[in-house]
């Protein structure tokens, strides 16, 4: 196959250019479509249903807790909780497993608005429960700060901002 630039040029000369009105219509359609695609973010507060069965007596407790993405004040409280859990030791010197557990527990304490005492107790004792709940809270925070319409891959992870 040869590249025939002459025939391409002839075809392009035969093609009618769009009028100004047609271009305006296309632009207006594009702007309308962009407004329809408005980014959707998770709300700052969201309810999470939690149930936990205690091994010692087999009792299952349920709660609907509110996860509220931390603002600057809550993040300061989070840091203070980490300090308290570290009990005067330098946080960076703690074992990795301990740091991960403390980070998760501090998130539960600071991001769960109405956590009942039994939930905090269970999170402090049951490592798997602590990590699962902490992960769910972290997921909520991630959805709050990122686009998450759930409409498919073409809408996945639109940035909230750009810094150039």
Protein backbone atom coordinates (compact mmCIF):
# COMPACT_ATOMS: atom_id res chain seq x y z
CA UNK A 1 0.00 0.00 0.00
CA UNK A 2 1.36 3.39 -0.97
CA UNK A 3 0.71 6.63 0.73
CA UNK A 4 -1.16 8.79 -1.77
CA UNK A 5 -1.09 12.30 -0.33
CA UNK A 6 -2.62 13.76 -3.50
CA UNK A 7 -5.81 11.75 -3.13
CA UNK A 8 -6.00 12.61 0.60
CA UNK A 9 -5.68 16.28 -0.25
CA UNK A 10 -8.43 16.02 -2.90
CA UNK A 11 -10.74 14.28 -0.43
CA UNK A 12 -10.09 16.98 2.16
CA UNK A 13 -10.83 19.71 -0.39
CA UNK A 14 -14.15 18.03 -1.21
CA UNK A 15 -15.13 17.83 2.46
CA UNK A 16 -17.31 20.68 3.58
CA UNK A 17 -16.11 22.57 6.64
CA UNK A 18 -18.67 22.93 9.44
CA UNK A 19 -20.45 26.23 9.68
CA UNK A 20 -20.10 28.53 12.69
CA UNK A 21 -23.61 27.59 13.82
CA UNK A 22 -22.73 23.89 13.69
CA UNK A 23 -19.59 24.52 15.74
CA UNK A 24 -21.60 26.49 18.33
CA UNK A 25 -24.12 23.66 18.60
CA UNK A 26 -21.31 21.19 19.14
CA UNK A 27 -19.76 23.45 21.81
CA UNK A 28 -23.11 23.88 23.58
CA UNK A 29 -23.67 20.12 23.58
CA UNK A 30 -20.21 19.55 25.04
CA UNK A 31 -20.79 22.09 27.82
CA UNK A 32 -24.16 20.53 28.65
CA UNK A 33 -22.58 17.06 28.78
CA UNK A 34 -19.86 18.34 31.13
CA UNK A 35 -22.47 19.76 33.50
CA UNK A 36 -24.22 16.37 33.53
CA UNK A 37 -20.94 14.69 34.44
CA UNK A 38 -20.53 16.78 37.57
CA UNK A 39 -18.17 15.02 39.93
CA UNK A 40 -19.75 13.09 42.77
CA UNK A 41 -17.97 12.80 46.08
CA UNK A 42 -18.99 10.93 49.20
CA UNK A 43 -20.49 13.03 51.96
CA UNK A 44 -18.38 13.98 55.00
CA UNK A 45 -20.59 11.87 57.30
CA UNK A 46 -21.86 8.41 56.48
CA UNK A 47 -23.55 5.69 58.51
CA UNK A 48 -21.95 2.26 58.86
CA UNK A 49 -23.75 -0.75 60.30
CA UNK A 50 -21.52 -2.91 62.49
CA UNK A 51 -22.20 -6.20 64.23
CA UNK A 52 -19.80 -8.12 66.44
CA UNK A 53 -20.12 -11.45 68.22
CA UNK A 54 -18.21 -11.70 71.45
CA UNK A 55 -16.48 -15.08 71.85
CA UNK A 56 -16.75 -15.31 75.62
CA UNK A 57 -20.58 -15.34 75.77
CA UNK A 58 -21.68 -15.57 72.11
CA UNK A 59 -23.64 -12.33 72.34
CA UNK A 60 -23.89 -10.37 69.10
CA UNK A 61 -24.04 -6.63 69.40
CA UNK A 62 -25.10 -4.28 66.62
CA UNK A 63 -24.62 -0.57 66.11
CA UNK A 64 -25.07 2.00 63.43
CA UNK A 65 -22.08 4.29 63.75
CA UNK A 66 -21.44 7.54 61.95
CA UNK A 67 -18.13 7.90 60.18
CA UNK A 68 -17.24 11.57 59.89
CA UNK A 69 -14.17 12.37 57.82
CA UNK A 70 -11.75 14.17 60.10
CA UNK A 71 -11.35 17.92 59.84
CA UNK A 72 -8.28 19.74 61.17
CA UNK A 73 -9.48 19.61 64.80
CA UNK A 74 -10.19 15.89 64.62
CA UNK A 75 -6.76 15.31 63.06
CA UNK A 76 -5.16 17.07 66.04
CA UNK A 77 -7.16 14.80 68.36
CA UNK A 78 -5.98 11.83 66.26
CA UNK A 79 -2.35 12.85 66.88
CA UNK A 80 -3.03 13.19 70.61
CA UNK A 81 -4.61 9.71 70.71
CA UNK A 82 -1.49 8.30 69.02
CA UNK A 83 0.65 10.00 71.67
CA UNK A 84 -1.51 8.57 74.47
CA UNK A 85 -1.40 5.07 72.99
CA UNK A 86 2.40 5.33 72.67
CA UNK A 87 2.55 5.98 76.42
CA UNK A 88 5.51 8.34 76.25
CA UNK A 89 7.54 6.25 73.84
CA UNK A 90 8.66 7.73 70.53
CA UNK A 91 6.05 6.58 68.02
CA UNK A 92 8.68 5.98 65.32
CA UNK A 93 10.55 3.58 67.61
CA UNK A 94 7.55 1.30 68.11
CA UNK A 95 7.33 -1.99 66.19
CA UNK A 96 5.55 -1.73 62.83
CA UNK A 97 2.66 -3.96 63.97
CA UNK A 98 2.10 -1.78 67.03
CA UNK A 99 2.18 1.43 64.98
CA UNK A 100 -0.35 0.00 62.53
CA UNK A 101 -2.68 -1.05 65.35
CA UNK A 102 -2.39 2.33 67.07
CA UNK A 103 -3.06 4.19 63.81
CA UNK A 104 -6.14 2.08 63.23
CA UNK A 105 -7.41 2.51 66.80
CA UNK A 106 -6.82 6.28 66.70
CA UNK A 107 -8.84 6.48 63.47
CA UNK A 108 -11.71 4.56 65.06
CA UNK A 109 -11.67 6.80 68.14
CA UNK A 110 -11.55 10.04 66.14
CA UNK A 111 -13.60 9.27 63.02
CA UNK A 112 -16.48 7.33 64.63
CA UNK A 113 -18.79 9.98 66.03
CA UNK A 114 -21.05 7.77 68.12
CA UNK A 115 -19.08 4.55 68.69
CA UNK A 116 -20.47 2.57 71.64
CA UNK A 117 -18.05 1.39 74.33
CA UNK A 118 -18.34 -2.27 73.27
CA UNK A 119 -17.15 -1.37 69.75
CA UNK A 120 -14.07 0.42 71.08
CA UNK A 121 -13.37 -2.50 73.41
CA UNK A 122 -13.71 -5.03 70.58
CA UNK A 123 -11.45 -2.97 68.30
CA UNK A 124 -8.84 -2.81 71.05
CA UNK A 125 -8.89 -6.57 71.60
CA UNK A 126 -9.62 -8.08 68.17
CA UNK A 127 -6.94 -7.15 65.68
CA UNK A 128 -8.88 -8.37 62.62
CA UNK A 129 -11.97 -6.39 63.62
CA UNK A 130 -9.82 -3.33 64.31
CA UNK A 131 -8.22 -3.49 60.85
CA UNK A 132 -11.49 -4.20 59.04
CA UNK A 133 -13.30 -1.29 60.69
CA UNK A 134 -10.30 1.01 60.30
CA UNK A 135 -10.08 0.04 56.63
CA UNK A 136 -13.77 0.84 56.14
CA UNK A 137 -13.25 4.26 57.72
CA UNK A 138 -10.20 4.89 55.55
CA UNK A 139 -12.24 3.87 52.49
CA UNK A 140 -14.87 6.46 53.43
CA UNK A 141 -12.18 9.14 53.73
CA UNK A 142 -10.74 8.15 50.35
CA UNK A 143 -14.16 8.38 48.69
CA UNK A 144 -14.75 11.77 50.31
CA UNK A 145 -11.56 13.20 48.88
CA UNK A 146 -11.84 11.51 45.48
CA UNK A 147 -14.40 11.22 42.72
CA UNK A 148 -16.52 8.11 43.22
CA UNK A 149 -19.69 8.02 41.15
CA UNK A 150 -19.55 4.27 40.69
CA UNK A 151 -20.73 4.74 37.09
CA UNK A 152 -17.93 2.71 35.54
CA UNK A 153 -14.26 2.80 34.72
CA UNK A 154 -14.48 5.83 32.45
CA UNK A 155 -15.44 7.91 35.50
CA UNK A 156 -12.90 6.34 37.82
CA UNK A 157 -10.79 8.48 40.13
CA UNK A 158 -11.17 12.00 38.81
CA UNK A 159 -8.89 14.32 40.71
CA UNK A 160 -10.37 16.97 43.03
CA UNK A 161 -7.64 19.45 42.23
CA UNK A 162 -4.60 20.10 40.11
CA UNK A 163 -1.35 21.80 41.06
CA UNK A 164 0.87 22.92 38.21
